[in-house]
Protein backbone atom coordinates (compact mmCIF):
# COMPACT_ATOMS: atom_id res chain seq x y z
CA MET A 1 -12.54 36.09 28.10
CA LYS A 2 -9.36 36.37 26.05
CA ALA A 3 -9.23 39.11 23.37
CA LYS A 4 -7.80 38.25 20.02
CA ALA A 5 -4.54 40.03 19.15
CA GLY A 6 -4.82 43.27 17.21
CA ILE A 7 -8.09 44.76 18.45
CA PRO A 8 -8.22 48.31 16.97
CA VAL A 9 -7.94 51.16 19.43
CA PRO A 10 -11.28 52.82 18.32
CA SER A 11 -13.01 49.46 19.06
CA LEU A 12 -11.35 49.36 22.51
CA ARG A 13 -12.54 52.88 23.25
CA ARG A 14 -16.16 52.04 22.41
CA LEU A 15 -16.32 49.04 24.75
CA LEU A 16 -16.96 51.24 27.82
CA ILE A 17 -19.76 53.00 25.93
CA TYR A 18 -21.26 49.54 25.12
CA TYR A 19 -20.86 48.44 28.68
CA ARG A 20 -22.66 51.49 30.08
CA ARG A 21 -25.55 50.84 27.66
CA LEU A 22 -25.63 47.18 28.63
CA VAL A 23 -25.87 48.02 32.32
CA GLN A 24 -28.68 50.51 31.62
CA ALA A 25 -30.54 47.83 29.59
CA VAL A 26 -30.15 45.23 32.34
CA GLU A 27 -31.39 47.74 34.92
CA GLN A 28 -34.46 48.46 32.77
CA GLY A 29 -35.20 44.69 32.60
CA SER A 30 -34.00 43.94 29.03
CA SER A 31 -32.77 40.43 28.42
CA PHE A 32 -31.34 41.08 25.01
CA ILE A 33 -29.94 44.09 23.23
CA SER A 34 -29.29 44.59 19.54
CA SER A 35 -26.03 45.76 17.98
CA GLU A 36 -27.97 48.73 16.58
CA ASP A 37 -29.00 49.77 20.11
CA LEU A 38 -25.47 49.46 21.35
CA GLY A 39 -24.21 51.44 18.39
CA ARG A 40 -26.60 54.37 18.89
CA GLY A 41 -24.90 55.32 22.13
CA ALA A 42 -21.45 55.18 20.50
CA GLY A 43 -22.53 56.81 17.27
CA VAL A 44 -21.66 53.85 15.07
CA PRO A 45 -23.78 51.45 13.00
CA GLY A 46 -24.70 48.00 14.26
CA ALA A 47 -22.24 46.35 11.84
CA GLN A 48 -19.37 48.15 13.47
CA VAL A 49 -20.54 47.07 16.90
CA ARG A 50 -20.65 43.44 15.74
CA LYS A 51 -17.19 43.70 14.26
CA GLY A 52 -15.78 45.31 17.41
CA LEU A 53 -17.33 42.70 19.69
CA SER A 54 -16.16 39.87 17.42
CA TYR A 55 -12.64 40.52 18.77
CA LEU A 56 -13.87 39.50 22.17
CA LEU A 57 -16.50 36.88 21.60
CA GLU A 58 -17.93 34.52 19.00
CA CYS A 59 -21.23 36.20 18.17
CA GLY A 60 -24.65 37.31 19.23
CA CYS A 61 -27.87 35.58 18.29
CA LEU A 62 -28.91 36.43 14.77
CA GLY A 63 -32.17 38.36 14.81
CA VAL A 64 -32.24 38.44 18.61
CA GLY A 65 -29.08 40.34 19.60
CA TYR A 66 -26.78 39.83 22.56
CA GLU A 67 -27.84 38.51 25.95
CA ALA A 68 -27.40 41.70 27.86
CA ARG A 69 -26.35 40.38 31.22
CA ALA A 70 -23.86 37.86 29.80
CA LEU A 71 -22.25 40.46 27.49
CA ALA A 72 -22.06 43.02 30.31
CA SER A 73 -20.21 40.37 32.42
CA GLN A 74 -17.79 39.62 29.63
CA LEU A 75 -17.05 43.28 29.15
CA GLU A 76 -16.63 43.75 32.87
CA GLU A 77 -14.02 41.06 32.89
CA PHE A 78 -12.26 42.36 29.84
CA LEU A 79 -12.30 45.98 31.02
CA GLY A 80 -11.02 44.97 34.47
CA ARG A 81 -14.10 46.26 36.26
CA ILE A 82 -14.30 43.10 38.41
CA ASN A 83 -10.79 43.56 39.76
CA ASP A 84 -9.87 45.96 42.55
CA LYS A 85 -7.46 48.69 41.60
CA GLU A 86 -5.29 50.45 44.09
CA ALA A 87 -4.10 54.05 43.55
CA VAL A 88 -1.69 56.49 45.12
CA LEU A 89 -2.79 60.11 44.98
CA VAL A 90 0.07 62.64 44.65
CA GLY A 91 -0.95 66.19 45.47
CA VAL A 92 -3.52 67.02 48.06
CA GLY A 93 -4.50 70.55 47.09
CA ASN A 94 -8.19 71.34 46.66
CA LEU A 95 -8.72 68.82 43.81
CA GLY A 96 -6.57 66.21 45.52
CA ARG A 97 -8.57 66.54 48.77
CA ALA A 98 -11.80 66.17 46.81
CA LEU A 99 -10.51 63.08 45.03
CA ALA A 100 -9.19 61.53 48.30
CA VAL A 101 -12.67 61.47 49.83
CA TYR A 102 -14.74 60.93 46.71
CA PRO A 103 -16.96 57.90 47.36
CA GLY A 104 -17.72 57.28 43.74
CA PHE A 105 -14.40 55.47 43.10
CA ALA A 106 -15.84 52.50 45.01
CA HIS A 107 -18.26 51.87 42.18
CA TYR A 108 -15.33 51.40 39.89
CA ARG A 109 -13.43 49.29 42.46
CA VAL A 110 -10.72 51.94 42.76
CA TRP A 111 -9.17 52.41 46.24
CA ILE A 112 -6.90 55.28 47.09
CA ILE A 113 -4.31 53.69 49.48
CA ALA A 114 -1.90 56.50 50.10
CA LEU A 115 -1.75 60.32 49.84
CA LEU A 116 1.46 62.20 49.12
CA ASP A 117 2.44 65.81 48.82
CA SER A 118 5.59 67.98 48.67
CA ASP A 119 4.15 70.83 50.74
CA PRO A 120 5.53 70.58 54.32
CA ALA A 121 2.37 72.22 55.68
CA LYS A 122 0.25 69.23 54.37
CA ILE A 123 2.44 66.45 55.57
CA SER A 124 0.86 64.44 58.47
CA GLN A 125 -2.58 65.96 57.90
CA MET A 126 -5.41 63.49 57.93
CA ILE A 127 -7.70 63.49 54.91
CA GLY A 128 -10.57 61.07 55.49
CA GLU A 129 -8.85 58.11 57.15
CA ARG A 130 -5.45 58.54 55.50
CA GLU A 131 -2.41 60.56 56.52
CA VAL A 132 -0.58 62.67 53.99
CA LEU A 133 2.93 61.37 53.45
CA ARG A 134 6.04 63.14 52.13
CA LEU A 135 6.35 62.90 48.37
CA GLU A 136 9.90 61.50 48.89
CA LYS A 137 8.27 58.29 50.18
CA LEU A 138 6.84 57.55 46.76
CA PRO A 139 9.72 55.51 45.30
CA ASN A 140 9.97 53.26 48.31
CA LEU A 141 6.19 52.97 48.62
CA ALA A 142 5.92 52.05 44.93
CA GLN A 143 8.65 49.41 45.29
CA ARG A 144 7.10 47.88 48.46
CA LEU A 145 3.60 47.74 47.07
CA HIS A 146 4.66 46.70 43.54
CA ILE A 147 3.03 49.74 41.99
CA GLU A 148 3.62 50.30 38.34
CA SER A 149 4.71 53.85 37.58
CA ARG A 150 2.54 55.73 35.10
CA CYS A 151 4.45 59.00 35.37
CA ALA A 152 5.76 61.07 32.54
CA THR A 153 9.16 61.18 34.30
CA PRO A 154 10.88 58.29 36.07
CA LEU A 155 10.81 58.15 39.82
C-alpha cells in the first residue's frame, strides 16, 4: 500500500488506534467494521475516520464498512508492523535491564541486538543472552550495521 503525499499528522497518529481496534474486532470474529466503530476508540466521528483512511486506500463498502482483516493487513504494512526492526539499547541501568529482557517487543517485531553502557562496572556483563559493550563502540557498530542515528546529538 502506498500512501498519498500529504497525509496529515493527526491522521497518521490515529492509524495505530484504528489498527488496535481492527485487531480486536478480528479476534472477536467480526468480518466488517464501521468507520463509526473505528472512530469511537480514537474519539473522532466516522467521517473523519473515512477521510483519514482515504489517504491510504480507495474506500470501504458503503453501508457495510471496512473488511476488518484486509484493513488490518493494510495498516500493518503501512505502519511497518510486518517488518523486523532492530534496536541498540544504550544504558543498562534498572530500566535498561528491564527493557533488554522484555519479551513483549517480539509482538511488535522489535529485536534488541546490542547493549551499550558507559559504566565500566557494567561492561562485559551478560543481560539475557547479550553482553554489555562499551558505549565507545556505538559509532563503529552503527556504521557496520547501517543503523540510522535517532539521537539528539550526533555520534
